């Protein structure tokens, strides 16, 4: 096969990309947004005492701490950010 035949997408590849764009892309973005929200809610429940919201005893928070440490800085920024009406629309 020459290089032109390898680079040129077939009709079916193009059709798959179009169908994914029409049907699957929005669903995958919504799933990622939902996953992010659930992760932030989980961190709020376990590490809420960092913001002054004691929900769980510190023992459980300390056991989960090694798994949460990489996400704490972004979580704090997201929780303490000012929000307005346009944030709900995005």
PDB file of N, CA and C in Angstrom:
ATOM      1  N   UNK A   1       0.846  -1.187   0.000  1.00  0.00           N
ATOM      2  CA  UNK A   1       0.000   0.000   0.000  1.00  0.00           C
ATOM      3  C   UNK A   1       0.886   1.243   0.000  1.00  0.00           C
ATOM      4  N   UNK A   2       0.475   2.211  -0.742  1.00  0.00           N
ATOM      5  CA  UNK A   2       1.223   3.465  -0.768  1.00  0.00           C
ATOM      6  C   UNK A   2       0.793   4.346   0.400  1.00  0.00           C
ATOM      7  N   UNK A   3       1.521   5.414   0.613  1.00  0.00           N
ATOM      8  CA  UNK A   3       1.217   6.315   1.736  1.00  0.00           C
ATOM      9  C   UNK A   3      -0.128   7.009   1.562  1.00  0.00           C
ATOM     10  N   UNK A   4      -0.524   7.291   0.339  1.00  0.00           N
ATOM     11  CA  UNK A   4      -1.804   7.968   0.088  1.00  0.00           C
ATOM     12  C   UNK A   4      -2.981   7.093   0.490  1.00  0.00           C
ATOM     13  N   UNK A   5      -2.870   5.789   0.239  1.00  0.00           N
ATOM     14  CA  UNK A   5      -3.960   4.886   0.600  1.00  0.00           C
ATOM     15  C   UNK A   5      -4.059   4.704   2.105  1.00  0.00           C
ATOM     16  N   UNK A   6      -2.930   4.778   2.819  1.00  0.00           N
ATOM     17  CA  UNK A   6      -2.955   4.621   4.257  1.00  0.00           C
ATOM     18  C   UNK A   6      -3.508   5.858   4.950  1.00  0.00           C
ATOM     19  N   UNK A   7      -3.229   7.031   4.449  1.00  0.00           N
ATOM     20  CA  UNK A   7      -3.675   8.274   5.079  1.00  0.00           C
ATOM     21  C   UNK A   7      -5.119   8.604   4.766  1.00  0.00           C
ATOM     22  N   UNK A   8      -5.621   8.172   3.638  1.00  0.00           N
ATOM     23  CA  UNK A   8      -6.971   8.524   3.223  1.00  0.00           C
ATOM     24  C   UNK A   8      -7.997   7.708   4.014  1.00  0.00           C
ATOM     25  N   UNK A   9      -8.875   8.388   4.785  1.00  0.00           N
ATOM     26  CA  UNK A   9      -9.888   7.639   5.538  1.00  0.00           C
ATOM     27  C   UNK A   9     -10.946   7.070   4.600  1.00  0.00           C
ATOM     28  N   UNK A  10     -11.446   5.913   4.975  1.00  0.00           N
ATOM     29  CA  UNK A  10     -12.480   5.292   4.151  1.00  0.00           C
ATOM     30  C   UNK A  10     -13.828   5.949   4.432  1.00  0.00           C
ATOM     31  N   UNK A  11     -14.794   5.575   3.635  1.00  0.00           N
ATOM     32  CA  UNK A  11     -16.150   6.095   3.804  1.00  0.00           C
ATOM     33  C   UNK A  11     -16.702   5.712   5.169  1.00  0.00           C
ATOM     34  N   UNK A  12     -16.416   4.485   5.616  1.00  0.00           N
ATOM     35  CA  UNK A  12     -16.957   4.007   6.887  1.00  0.00           C
ATOM     36  C   UNK A  12     -16.316   4.725   8.070  1.00  0.00           C
ATOM     37  N   UNK A  13     -15.020   5.045   7.957  1.00  0.00           N
ATOM     38  CA  UNK A  13     -14.370   5.807   9.025  1.00  0.00           C
ATOM     39  C   UNK A  13     -14.984   7.190   9.152  1.00  0.00           C
ATOM     40  N   UNK A  14     -15.268   7.803   8.033  1.00  0.00           N
ATOM     41  CA  UNK A  14     -15.903   9.113   8.038  1.00  0.00           C
ATOM     42  C   UNK A  14     -17.313   9.028   8.608  1.00  0.00           C
ATOM     43  N   UNK A  15     -18.053   7.993   8.211  1.00  0.00           N
ATOM     44  CA  UNK A  15     -19.416   7.812   8.723  1.00  0.00           C
ATOM     45  C   UNK A  15     -19.402   7.573  10.236  1.00  0.00           C
ATOM     46  N   UNK A  16     -18.436   6.796  10.732  1.00  0.00           N
ATOM     47  CA  UNK A  16     -18.323   6.549  12.170  1.00  0.00           C
ATOM     48  C   UNK A  16     -18.043   7.846  12.920  1.00  0.00           C
ATOM     49  N   UNK A  17     -17.158   8.660  12.376  1.00  0.00           N
ATOM     50  CA  UNK A  17     -16.828   9.928  13.026  1.00  0.00           C
ATOM     51  C   UNK A  17     -18.041  10.856  13.074  1.00  0.00           C
ATOM     52  N   UNK A  18     -18.805  10.886  11.997  1.00  0.00           N
ATOM     53  CA  UNK A  18     -19.993  11.742  11.962  1.00  0.00           C
ATOM     54  C   UNK A  18     -21.037  11.242  12.958  1.00  0.00           C
ATOM     55  N   UNK A  19     -21.265   9.931  13.006  1.00  0.00           N
ATOM     56  CA  UNK A  19     -22.241   9.386  13.951  1.00  0.00           C
ATOM     57  C   UNK A  19     -21.806   9.614  15.390  1.00  0.00           C
ATOM     58  N   UNK A  20     -20.511   9.464  15.656  1.00  0.00           N
ATOM     59  CA  UNK A  20     -20.022   9.733  17.009  1.00  0.00           C
ATOM     60  C   UNK A  20     -20.247  11.200  17.363  1.00  0.00           C
ATOM     61  N   UNK A  21     -19.970  12.090  16.430  1.00  0.00           N
ATOM     62  CA  UNK A  21     -20.173  13.514  16.692  1.00  0.00           C
ATOM     63  C   UNK A  21     -21.634  13.850  16.926  1.00  0.00           C
ATOM     64  N   UNK A  22     -22.529  13.169  16.228  1.00  0.00           N
ATOM     65  CA  UNK A  22     -23.953  13.459  16.380  1.00  0.00           C
ATOM     66  C   UNK A  22     -24.541  12.830  17.634  1.00  0.00           C
ATOM     67  N   UNK A  23     -24.072  11.652  17.989  1.00  0.00           N
ATOM     68  CA  UNK A  23     -24.725  10.922  19.079  1.00  0.00           C
ATOM     69  C   UNK A  23     -23.868  10.785  20.329  1.00  0.00           C
ATOM     70  N   UNK A  24     -22.615  10.437  20.174  1.00  0.00           N
ATOM     71  CA  UNK A  24     -21.826  10.053  21.330  1.00  0.00           C
ATOM     72  C   UNK A  24     -21.042  11.155  22.003  1.00  0.00           C
ATOM     73  N   UNK A  25     -20.669  12.179  21.278  1.00  0.00           N
ATOM     74  CA  UNK A  25     -19.803  13.208  21.852  1.00  0.00           C
ATOM     75  C   UNK A  25     -20.466  13.925  23.027  1.00  0.00           C
ATOM     76  N   UNK A  26     -21.704  14.301  22.870  1.00  0.00           N
ATOM     77  CA  UNK A  26     -22.411  15.004  23.951  1.00  0.00           C
ATOM     78  C   UNK A  26     -22.576  14.103  25.174  1.00  0.00           C
ATOM     79  N   UNK A  27     -22.869  12.839  24.929  1.00  0.00           N
ATOM     80  CA  UNK A  27     -23.018  11.910  26.051  1.00  0.00           C
ATOM     81  C   UNK A  27     -21.697  11.716  26.788  1.00  0.00           C
ATOM     82  N   UNK A  28     -20.603  11.621  26.055  1.00  0.00           N
ATOM     83  CA  UNK A  28     -19.309  11.419  26.718  1.00  0.00           C
ATOM     84  C   UNK A  28     -18.901  12.665  27.502  1.00  0.00           C
ATOM     85  N   UNK A  29     -19.189  13.860  26.990  1.00  0.00           N
ATOM     86  CA  UNK A  29     -18.885  15.081  27.739  1.00  0.00           C
ATOM     87  C   UNK A  29     -19.735  15.168  28.995  1.00  0.00           C
ATOM     88  N   UNK A  30     -20.999  14.793  28.914  1.00  0.00           N
ATOM     89  CA  UNK A  30     -21.876  14.807  30.078  1.00  0.00           C
ATOM     90  C   UNK A  30     -21.390  13.795  31.122  1.00  0.00           C
ATOM     91  N   UNK A  31     -20.944  12.625  30.659  1.00  0.00           N
ATOM     92  CA  UNK A  31     -20.444  11.605  31.587  1.00  0.00           C
ATOM     93  C   UNK A  31     -19.186  12.100  32.303  1.00  0.00           C
ATOM     94  N   UNK A  32     -18.302  12.772  31.588  1.00  0.00           N
ATOM     95  CA  UNK A  32     -17.093  13.310  32.220  1.00  0.00           C
ATOM     96  C   UNK A  32     -17.430  14.413  33.214  1.00  0.00           C
ATOM     97  N   UNK A  33     -18.394  15.250  32.880  1.00  0.00           N
ATOM     98  CA  UNK A  33     -18.800  16.316  33.791  1.00  0.00           C
ATOM     99  C   UNK A  33     -19.441  15.723  35.052  1.00  0.00           C
ATOM    100  N   UNK A  34     -20.263  14.698  34.897  1.00  0.00           N
ATOM    101  CA  UNK A  34     -20.891  14.034  36.035  1.00  0.00           C
ATOM    102  C   UNK A  34     -19.845  13.360  36.911  1.00  0.00           C
ATOM    103  N   UNK A  35     -18.868  12.723  36.276  1.00  0.00           N
ATOM    104  CA  UNK A  35     -17.797  12.075  37.038  1.00  0.00           C
ATOM    105  C   UNK A  35     -17.028  13.100  37.854  1.00  0.00           C
ATOM    106  N   UNK A  36     -16.711  14.247  37.257  1.00  0.00           N
ATOM    107  CA  UNK A  36     -16.005  15.291  37.989  1.00  0.00           C
ATOM    108  C   UNK A  36     -16.802  15.804  39.167  1.00  0.00           C
ATOM    109  N   UNK A  37     -18.093  15.971  38.976  1.00  0.00           N
ATOM    110  CA  UNK A  37     -18.947  16.435  40.066  1.00  0.00           C
ATOM    111  C   UNK A  37     -19.001  15.420  41.198  1.00  0.00           C
ATOM    112  N   UNK A  38     -19.088  14.152  40.846  1.00  0.00           N
ATOM    113  CA  UNK A  38     -19.113  13.109  41.874  1.00  0.00           C
ATOM    114  C   UNK A  38     -17.793  13.025  42.635  1.00  0.00           C
ATOM    115  N   UNK A  39     -16.673  13.194  41.925  1.00  0.00           N
ATOM    116  CA  UNK A  39     -15.383  13.182  42.603  1.00  0.00           C
ATOM    117  C   UNK A  39     -15.269  14.342  43.588  1.00  0.00           C
ATOM    118  N   UNK A  40     -15.721  15.526  43.169  1.00  0.00           N
ATOM    119  CA  UNK A  40     -15.652  16.682  44.058  1.00  0.00           C
ATOM    120  C   UNK A  40     -16.597  16.526  45.244  1.00  0.00           C
ATOM    121  N   UNK A  41     -17.744  15.928  45.039  1.00  0.00           N
ATOM    122  CA  UNK A  41     -18.664  15.672  46.145  1.00  0.00           C
ATOM    123  C   UNK A  41     -18.059  14.663  47.125  1.00  0.00           C
ATOM    124  N   UNK A  42     -17.414  13.642  46.597  1.00  0.00           N
ATOM    125  CA  UNK A  42     -16.757  12.656  47.453  1.00  0.00           C
ATOM    126  C   UNK A  42     -15.668  13.305  48.306  1.00  0.00           C
ATOM    127  N   UNK A  43     -14.871  14.165  47.689  1.00  0.00           N
ATOM    128  CA  UNK A  43     -13.819  14.844  48.443  1.00  0.00           C
ATOM    129  C   UNK A  43     -14.432  15.780  49.476  1.00  0.00           C
ATOM    130  N   UNK A  44     -15.525  16.445  49.135  1.00  0.00           N
ATOM    131  CA  UNK A  44     -16.198  17.309  50.104  1.00  0.00           C
ATOM    132  C   UNK A  44     -16.669  16.512  51.307  1.00  0.00           C
ATOM    133  N   UNK A  45     -17.220  15.335  51.065  1.00  0.00           N
ATOM    134  CA  UNK A  45     -17.717  14.515  52.167  1.00  0.00           C
ATOM    135  C   UNK A  45     -16.570  14.024  53.043  1.00  0.00           C
ATOM    136  N   UNK A  46     -15.463  13.623  52.415  1.00  0.00           N
ATOM    137  CA  UNK A  46     -14.362  13.063  53.195  1.00  0.00           C
ATOM    138  C   UNK A  46     -13.420  14.116  53.756  1.00  0.00           C
ATOM    139  N   UNK A  47     -13.180  15.179  53.026  1.00  0.00           N
ATOM    140  CA  UNK A  47     -12.209  16.190  53.454  1.00  0.00           C
ATOM    141  C   UNK A  47     -12.869  17.542  53.727  1.00  0.00           C
ATOM    142  N   UNK A  48     -14.118  17.536  54.064  1.00  0.00           N
ATOM    143  CA  UNK A  48     -14.840  18.781  54.307  1.00  0.00           C
ATOM    144  C   UNK A  48     -14.293  19.587  55.461  1.00  0.00           C
ATOM    145  N   UNK A  49     -13.590  18.944  56.360  1.00  0.00           N
ATOM    146  CA  UNK A  49     -13.035  19.677  57.498  1.00  0.00           C
ATOM    147  C   UNK A  49     -11.948  20.651  57.061  1.00  0.00           C
ATOM    148  N   UNK A  50     -11.386  20.490  55.885  1.00  0.00           N
ATOM    149  CA  UNK A  50     -10.426  21.469  55.366  1.00  0.00           C
ATOM    150  C   UNK A  50     -11.098  22.811  55.082  1.00  0.00           C
ATOM    151  N   UNK A  51     -12.392  22.776  54.802  1.00  0.00           N
ATOM    152  CA  UNK A  51     -13.167  23.996  54.576  1.00  0.00           C
ATOM    153  C   UNK A  51     -14.009  24.374  55.779  1.00  0.00           C
ATOM    154  N   UNK A  52     -13.940  23.594  56.836  1.00  0.00           N
ATOM    155  CA  UNK A  52     -14.722  23.874  58.029  1.00  0.00           C
ATOM    156  C   UNK A  52     -16.064  23.185  58.042  1.00  0.00           C
ATOM    157  N   UNK A  53     -16.226  22.120  57.257  1.00  0.00           N
ATOM    158  CA  UNK A  53     -17.481  21.370  57.209  1.00  0.00           C
ATOM    159  C   UNK A  53     -17.210  19.964  57.727  1.00  0.00           C
ATOM    160  N   UNK A  54     -17.351  19.726  59.034  1.00  0.00           N
ATOM    161  CA  UNK A  54     -17.071  18.380  59.553  1.00  0.00           C
ATOM    162  C   UNK A  54     -18.238  17.440  59.262  1.00  0.00           C
ATOM    163  N   UNK A  55     -18.023  16.487  58.404  1.00  0.00           N
ATOM    164  CA  UNK A  55     -19.079  15.545  58.044  1.00  0.00           C
ATOM    165  C   UNK A  55     -18.754  14.149  58.546  1.00  0.00           C
ATOM    166  N   UNK A  56     -17.569  13.650  58.261  1.00  0.00           N
ATOM    167  CA  UNK A  56     -17.146  12.329  58.713  1.00  0.00           C
ATOM    168  C   UNK A  56     -16.096  12.468  59.815  1.00  0.00           C
ATOM    169  N   UNK A  57     -15.990  11.476  60.670  1.00  0.00           N
ATOM    170  CA  UNK A  57     -14.911  11.519  61.664  1.00  0.00           C
ATOM    171  C   UNK A  57     -13.546  11.548  60.971  1.00  0.00           C
ATOM    172  N   UNK A  58     -12.576  12.203  61.567  1.00  0.00           N
ATOM    173  CA  UNK A  58     -11.263  12.329  60.933  1.00  0.00           C
ATOM    174  C   UNK A  58     -10.569  10.999  60.635  1.00  0.00           C
ATOM    175  N   UNK A  59     -10.912   9.948  61.358  1.00  0.00           N
ATOM    176  CA  UNK A  59     -10.277   8.654  61.126  1.00  0.00           C
ATOM    177  C   UNK A  59     -10.477   8.182  59.686  1.00  0.00           C
ATOM    178  N   UNK A  60     -11.696   8.275  59.199  1.00  0.00           N
ATOM    179  CA  UNK A  60     -11.976   7.839  57.834  1.00  0.00           C
ATOM    180  C   UNK A  60     -11.314   8.765  56.831  1.00  0.00           C
ATOM    181  N   UNK A  61     -11.284  10.028  57.137  1.00  0.00           N
ATOM    182  CA  UNK A  61     -10.628  10.975  56.245  1.00  0.00           C
ATOM    183  C   UNK A  61      -9.137  10.678  56.145  1.00  0.00           C
ATOM    184  N   UNK A  62      -8.515  10.333  57.236  1.00  0.00           N
ATOM    185  CA  UNK A  62      -7.089  10.031  57.210  1.00  0.00           C
ATOM    186  C   UNK A  62      -6.790   8.743  56.445  1.00  0.00           C
ATOM    187  N   UNK A  63      -7.692   7.790  56.470  1.00  0.00           N
ATOM    188  CA  UNK A  63      -7.470   6.555  55.711  1.00  0.00           C
ATOM    189  C   UNK A  63      -7.600   6.796  54.218  1.00  0.00           C
ATOM    190  N   UNK A  64      -8.432   7.741  53.827  1.00  0.00           N
ATOM    191  CA  UNK A  64      -8.643   8.038  52.414  1.00  0.00           C
ATOM    192  C   UNK A  64      -7.651   9.085  51.907  1.00  0.00           C
ATOM    193  N   UNK A  65      -6.998   9.789  52.791  1.00  0.00           N
ATOM    194  CA  UNK A  65      -6.116  10.899  52.422  1.00  0.00           C
ATOM    195  C   UNK A  65      -5.087  10.570  51.341  1.00  0.00           C
ATOM    196  N   UNK A  66      -4.391   9.446  51.356  1.00  0.00           N
ATOM    197  CA  UNK A  66      -3.396   9.190  50.302  1.00  0.00           C
ATOM    198  C   UNK A  66      -3.984   9.158  48.895  1.00  0.00           C
ATOM    199  N   UNK A  67      -5.245   8.783  48.771  1.00  0.00           N
ATOM    200  CA  UNK A  67      -5.870   8.712  47.455  1.00  0.00           C
ATOM    201  C   UNK A  67      -6.373  10.077  46.987  1.00  0.00           C
ATOM    202  N   UNK A  68      -6.572  10.985  47.920  1.00  0.00           N
ATOM    203  CA  UNK A  68      -7.190  12.272  47.611  1.00  0.00           C
ATOM    204  C   UNK A  68      -6.169  13.394  47.436  1.00  0.00           C
ATOM    205  N   UNK A  69      -4.971  13.223  47.973  1.00  0.00           N
ATOM    206  CA  UNK A  69      -3.973  14.297  47.989  1.00  0.00           C
ATOM    207  C   UNK A  69      -3.755  14.946  46.621  1.00  0.00           C
ATOM    208  N   UNK A  70      -3.643  14.203  45.514  1.00  0.00           N
ATOM    209  CA  UNK A  70      -3.400  14.879  44.232  1.00  0.00           C
ATOM    210  C   UNK A  70      -4.534  15.806  43.785  1.00  0.00           C
ATOM    211  N   UNK A  71      -5.734  15.620  44.296  1.00  0.00           N
ATOM    212  CA  UNK A  71      -6.878  16.391  43.833  1.00  0.00           C
ATOM    213  C   UNK A  71      -7.276  17.512  44.781  1.00  0.00           C
ATOM    214  N   UNK A  72      -6.630  17.652  45.923  1.00  0.00           N
ATOM    215  CA  UNK A  72      -7.078  18.615  46.930  1.00  0.00           C
ATOM    216  C   UNK A  72      -6.975  20.052  46.445  1.00  0.00           C
ATOM    217  N   UNK A  73      -5.891  20.420  45.767  1.00  0.00           N
ATOM    218  CA  UNK A  73      -5.731  21.826  45.365  1.00  0.00           C
ATOM    219  C   UNK A  73      -6.793  22.245  44.352  1.00  0.00           C
ATOM    220  N   UNK A  74      -7.077  21.407  43.359  1.00  0.00           N
ATOM    221  CA  UNK A  74      -8.114  21.769  42.387  1.00  0.00           C
ATOM    222  C   UNK A  74      -9.498  21.744  43.028  1.00  0.00           C
ATOM    223  N   UNK A  75      -9.707  20.838  43.968  1.00  0.00           N
ATOM    224  CA  UNK A  75     -10.997  20.769  44.653  1.00  0.00           C
ATOM    225  C   UNK A  75     -11.235  22.029  45.476  1.00  0.00           C
ATOM    226  N   UNK A  76     -10.215  22.485  46.200  1.00  0.00           N
ATOM    227  CA  UNK A  76     -10.364  23.703  47.004  1.00  0.00           C
ATOM    228  C   UNK A  76     -10.689  24.896  46.122  1.00  0.00           C
ATOM    229  N   UNK A  77      -9.969  24.997  44.994  1.00  0.00           N
ATOM    230  CA  UNK A  77     -10.238  26.109  44.072  1.00  0.00           C
ATOM    231  C   UNK A  77     -11.668  26.057  43.550  1.00  0.00           C
ATOM    232  N   UNK A  78     -12.142  24.866  43.213  1.00  0.00           N
ATOM    233  CA  UNK A  78     -13.493  24.746  42.670  1.00  0.00           C
ATOM    234  C   UNK A  78     -14.558  25.053  43.724  1.00  0.00           C
ATOM    235  N   UNK A  79     -14.351  24.595  44.958  1.00  0.00           N
ATOM    236  CA  UNK A  79     -15.343  24.794  46.007  1.00  0.00           C
ATOM    237  C   UNK A  79     -15.401  26.250  46.473  1.00  0.00           C
ATOM    238  N   UNK A  80     -14.286  26.952  46.466  1.00  0.00           N
ATOM    239  CA  UNK A  80     -14.244  28.315  46.980  1.00  0.00           C
ATOM    240  C   UNK A  80     -14.404  29.371  45.896  1.00  0.00           C
ATOM    241  N   UNK A  81     -14.607  28.955  44.657  1.00  0.00           N
ATOM    242  CA  UNK A  81     -14.780  29.894  43.545  1.00  0.00           C
ATOM    243  C   UNK A  81     -16.164  30.521  43.595  1.00  0.00           C
ATOM    244  N   UNK A  82     -16.217  31.808  43.273  1.00  0.00           N
ATOM    245  CA  UNK A  82     -17.526  32.465  43.213  1.00  0.00           C
ATOM    246  C   UNK A  82     -18.265  31.965  41.985  1.00  0.00           C
ATOM    247  N   UNK A  83     -19.560  31.804  42.116  1.00  0.00           N
ATOM    248  CA  UNK A  83     -20.367  31.305  41.014  1.00  0.00           C
ATOM    249  C   UNK A  83     -21.482  32.308  40.703  1.00  0.00           C
ATOM    250  N   UNK A  84     -21.941  32.267  39.479  1.00  0.00           N
ATOM    251  CA  UNK A  84     -23.088  33.077  39.089  1.00  0.00           C
ATOM    252  C   UNK A  84     -24.003  32.241  38.193  1.00  0.00           C
ATOM    253  N   UNK A  85     -25.017  32.867  37.658  1.00  0.00           N
ATOM    254  CA  UNK A  85     -26.026  32.153  36.883  1.00  0.00           C
ATOM    255  C   UNK A  85     -25.433  31.510  35.633  1.00  0.00           C
ATOM    256  N   UNK A  86     -24.458  32.147  35.013  1.00  0.00           N
ATOM    257  CA  UNK A  86     -23.912  31.603  33.770  1.00  0.00           C
ATOM    258  C   UNK A  86     -23.130  30.308  33.996  1.00  0.00           C
ATOM    259  N   UNK A  87     -22.652  30.037  35.188  1.00  0.00           N
ATOM    260  CA  UNK A  87     -21.953  28.787  35.473  1.00  0.00           C
ATOM    261  C   UNK A  87     -22.898  27.600  35.372  1.00  0.00           C
ATOM    262  N   UNK A  88     -24.140  27.775  35.709  1.00  0.00           N
ATOM    263  CA  UNK A  88     -25.107  26.689  35.646  1.00  0.00           C
ATOM    264  C   UNK A  88     -25.476  26.335  34.204  1.00  0.00           C
ATOM    265  N   UNK A  89     -25.303  27.281  33.300  1.00  0.00           N
ATOM    266  CA  UNK A  89     -25.661  27.040  31.905  1.00  0.00           C
ATOM    267  C   UNK A  89     -24.593  26.267  31.140  1.00  0.00           C
ATOM    268  N   UNK A  90     -23.376  26.275  31.608  1.00  0.00           N
ATOM    269  CA  UNK A  90     -22.269  25.626  30.869  1.00  0.00           C
ATOM    270  C   UNK A  90     -22.225  24.144  31.069  1.00  0.00           C
TER     271      UNK A  90
END
